[in-house]
Protein backbone atom coordinates (compact mmCIF):
# COMPACT_ATOMS: atom_id res chain seq x y z
CA MET A 1 80.50 103.57 118.80
CA VAL A 2 83.30 104.35 119.37
CA LYS A 3 85.24 105.20 122.85
CA ASP A 4 86.00 108.56 121.07
CA LYS A 5 82.57 109.89 121.20
CA PHE A 6 82.61 109.84 124.66
CA VAL A 7 84.06 112.63 126.65
CA TYR A 8 86.72 112.20 129.56
CA ASP A 9 85.84 114.38 132.66
CA LYS A 10 89.29 114.85 134.36
CA GLU A 11 88.55 117.24 137.16
CA HIS A 12 85.43 114.25 138.39
CA ASP A 13 87.18 111.23 136.95
CA CYS A 14 83.92 110.08 134.56
CA TYR A 15 83.00 109.41 131.21
CA TRP A 16 80.17 111.36 129.51
CA CYS A 17 77.92 109.65 126.72
CA PRO A 18 77.13 111.64 123.43
CA GLU A 19 73.60 111.32 125.67
CA GLY A 20 74.56 113.36 128.13
CA GLN A 21 75.06 109.95 130.38
CA LYS A 22 77.57 109.70 133.37
CA LEU A 23 79.77 107.02 133.10
CA VAL A 24 81.44 106.74 136.55
CA TYR A 25 84.55 104.55 137.96
CA GLU A 26 83.97 100.96 138.37
CA GLY A 27 87.85 99.86 139.00
CA LYS A 28 91.35 99.00 138.18
CA HIS A 29 91.83 96.00 135.33
CA GLU A 30 94.76 94.03 134.92
CA GLY A 31 97.09 95.52 137.96
CA ASP A 32 97.23 99.08 137.39
CA LYS A 33 96.96 99.61 133.62
CA LYS A 34 93.60 100.10 132.68
CA ILE A 35 90.92 102.03 134.29
CA ALA A 36 86.96 100.84 133.79
CA TYR A 37 83.91 103.58 133.71
CA ARG A 38 80.50 102.15 133.51
CA ILE A 39 76.88 103.39 133.41
CA PRO A 40 75.79 102.88 136.82
CA ASP A 41 72.48 102.06 135.85
CA ALA A 42 71.59 99.76 133.00
CA VAL A 43 68.13 99.99 132.53
CA VAL A 44 69.31 103.66 131.61
CA CYS A 45 71.48 102.36 128.38
CA LYS A 46 68.71 99.90 127.90
CA LYS A 47 66.32 102.99 127.30
CA CYS A 48 68.68 104.93 125.09
CA LYS A 49 68.05 105.40 121.79
CA GLN A 50 71.46 104.41 120.91
CA TYR A 51 70.95 101.20 122.81
CA GLY A 52 72.22 98.26 120.06
CA GLN A 53 74.67 100.87 118.51
CA CYS A 54 76.56 102.21 121.74
CA THR A 55 76.33 98.41 123.62
CA ASP A 56 74.07 95.88 123.65
CA PHE A 57 75.96 94.29 126.92
CA PRO A 58 72.96 93.82 129.51
CA ARG A 59 74.85 95.53 132.12
CA GLY A 60 75.45 98.96 130.32
CA ARG A 61 78.31 101.01 128.51
CA LYS A 62 81.38 100.27 129.87
CA ILE A 63 85.16 102.09 128.54
CA VAL A 64 87.94 100.94 129.10
CA ARG A 65 90.64 103.81 130.08
CA LEU A 66 95.03 103.27 129.74
CA SER A 67 96.11 104.73 133.30
CA GLN A 68 98.67 106.73 130.90
CA GLU A 69 96.29 108.01 128.73
CA GLU A 70 97.17 111.12 128.83
CA VAL A 71 100.61 110.31 127.73
CA LYS A 72 99.13 107.93 124.58
CA GLU A 73 96.90 111.25 123.57
CA LYS A 74 99.97 113.52 123.22
CA LEU A 75 102.01 110.75 121.68
CA GLU A 76 99.43 110.38 119.00
CA ARG A 77 99.14 114.25 118.80
CA GLN A 78 102.40 114.54 118.40
CA TYR A 79 102.54 111.66 115.48
CA GLU A 80 100.53 113.92 113.37
CA HIS A 81 102.97 117.16 113.06
CA PRO A 82 104.99 117.01 109.93
CA GLU A 83 108.54 116.77 111.60
CA SER A 84 107.15 113.57 113.67
CA GLN A 85 106.36 112.07 110.41
CA GLU A 86 110.08 113.01 109.38
CA ILE A 87 111.33 110.80 112.51
CA TYR A 88 109.15 108.07 112.16
CA LYS A 89 110.17 107.40 108.37
CA LYS A 90 113.63 107.16 109.24
CA ARG A 91 112.82 104.62 112.32
CA LYS A 92 110.99 102.82 109.74
CA ALA A 93 113.80 102.57 107.64
CA ARG A 94 116.02 102.07 110.32
CA VAL A 95 114.63 100.25 113.07
CA GLU A 96 112.23 97.77 111.77
CA HIS A 97 114.82 96.31 108.94
CA PRO A 98 116.80 94.18 111.60
CA PHE A 99 113.25 92.81 113.20
CA GLY A 100 111.85 92.11 109.84
CA HIS A 101 115.06 90.17 109.21
CA ILE A 102 115.08 88.33 112.50
CA ARG A 103 111.36 87.33 111.73
CA ARG A 104 111.45 86.69 108.41
CA ASN A 105 114.75 85.40 107.68
CA LEU A 106 115.76 83.75 110.89
CA GLY A 107 112.33 82.59 111.18
CA MET A 108 111.71 83.79 114.81
CA THR A 109 108.19 84.37 115.21
CA SER A 110 107.71 83.70 118.67
CA PHE A 111 109.94 83.30 121.83
CA LEU A 112 110.83 79.40 122.44
CA VAL A 113 111.50 79.98 126.32
CA ARG A 114 109.23 82.27 128.93
CA GLY A 115 110.10 84.49 131.27
CA ARG A 116 112.30 87.71 131.07
CA GLU A 117 115.47 86.43 130.97
CA GLY A 118 114.69 83.65 128.61
CA ALA A 119 113.83 86.33 126.37
CA ARG A 120 116.15 88.71 126.97
CA ALA A 121 118.60 86.13 125.63
CA GLU A 122 116.90 84.44 122.92
CA ILE A 123 116.67 87.96 121.29
CA SER A 124 120.05 88.41 121.92
CA VAL A 125 121.18 85.42 119.48
CA ALA A 126 119.16 86.93 116.95
CA ALA A 127 120.27 90.03 117.62
CA THR A 128 124.09 89.19 116.96
CA CYS A 129 122.97 86.43 114.40
CA PHE A 130 121.64 89.60 112.80
CA ASN A 131 124.87 91.94 112.87
CA ILE A 132 126.97 88.93 111.91
CA VAL A 133 125.12 88.81 108.73
CA ARG A 134 125.12 92.28 108.30
CA MET A 135 128.99 92.76 108.90
CA ILE A 136 129.38 90.09 105.86
CA THR A 137 126.99 91.99 103.88
CA LEU A 138 128.76 95.16 104.27
CA LEU A 139 132.35 94.00 103.98
CA GLY A 140 131.80 91.94 100.99
CA GLY A 141 131.29 88.21 101.89
CA VAL A 142 132.73 85.35 104.41
CA ARG A 143 136.52 86.09 103.01
CA GLU A 144 136.49 89.38 103.34
CA LEU A 145 135.08 89.45 106.96
CA ILE A 146 137.70 86.29 107.87
CA GLY A 147 140.28 88.46 106.52
CA GLY A 148 139.39 91.77 108.65
CA PHE A 149 139.37 89.74 111.83
CA MET A 150 143.01 88.28 110.87
CA ALA A 151 144.13 92.07 110.08
CA LEU A 152 142.73 92.44 113.46
CA GLN A 153 145.49 90.08 115.15
CA SER A 154 148.61 91.18 113.51
């Protein structure tokens, strides 16, 4: 059974399962990014007619919620509007192209270095390569690009 079948009760900070059982706050996961809720008594889950479909975990059903779940839900609702679909189509056409080129044509499927600074440096080099290739294409070739640079010097 999927999470959307469960109802989140913001006032009591808990979830309610489709059978009317309460899932209470269990704790945070991955720092403060995710919050877990669980049926307090696993026997309740095991006796439920949905057991096996909802969960087969011996400790009972567990729901994990993002700490910013309301923001995620708001953005998902907003995405469904026709105006948002138009914006997303433009984004796909404009933004996804460079990343697709970097991944496929430049062969950059993963970072070679570790850490935020290294990854930023690596993606900056890849973006610079993309921009140079794009300039060459827009100007009509390497000779035209060099000619353009030469014109800037004089």
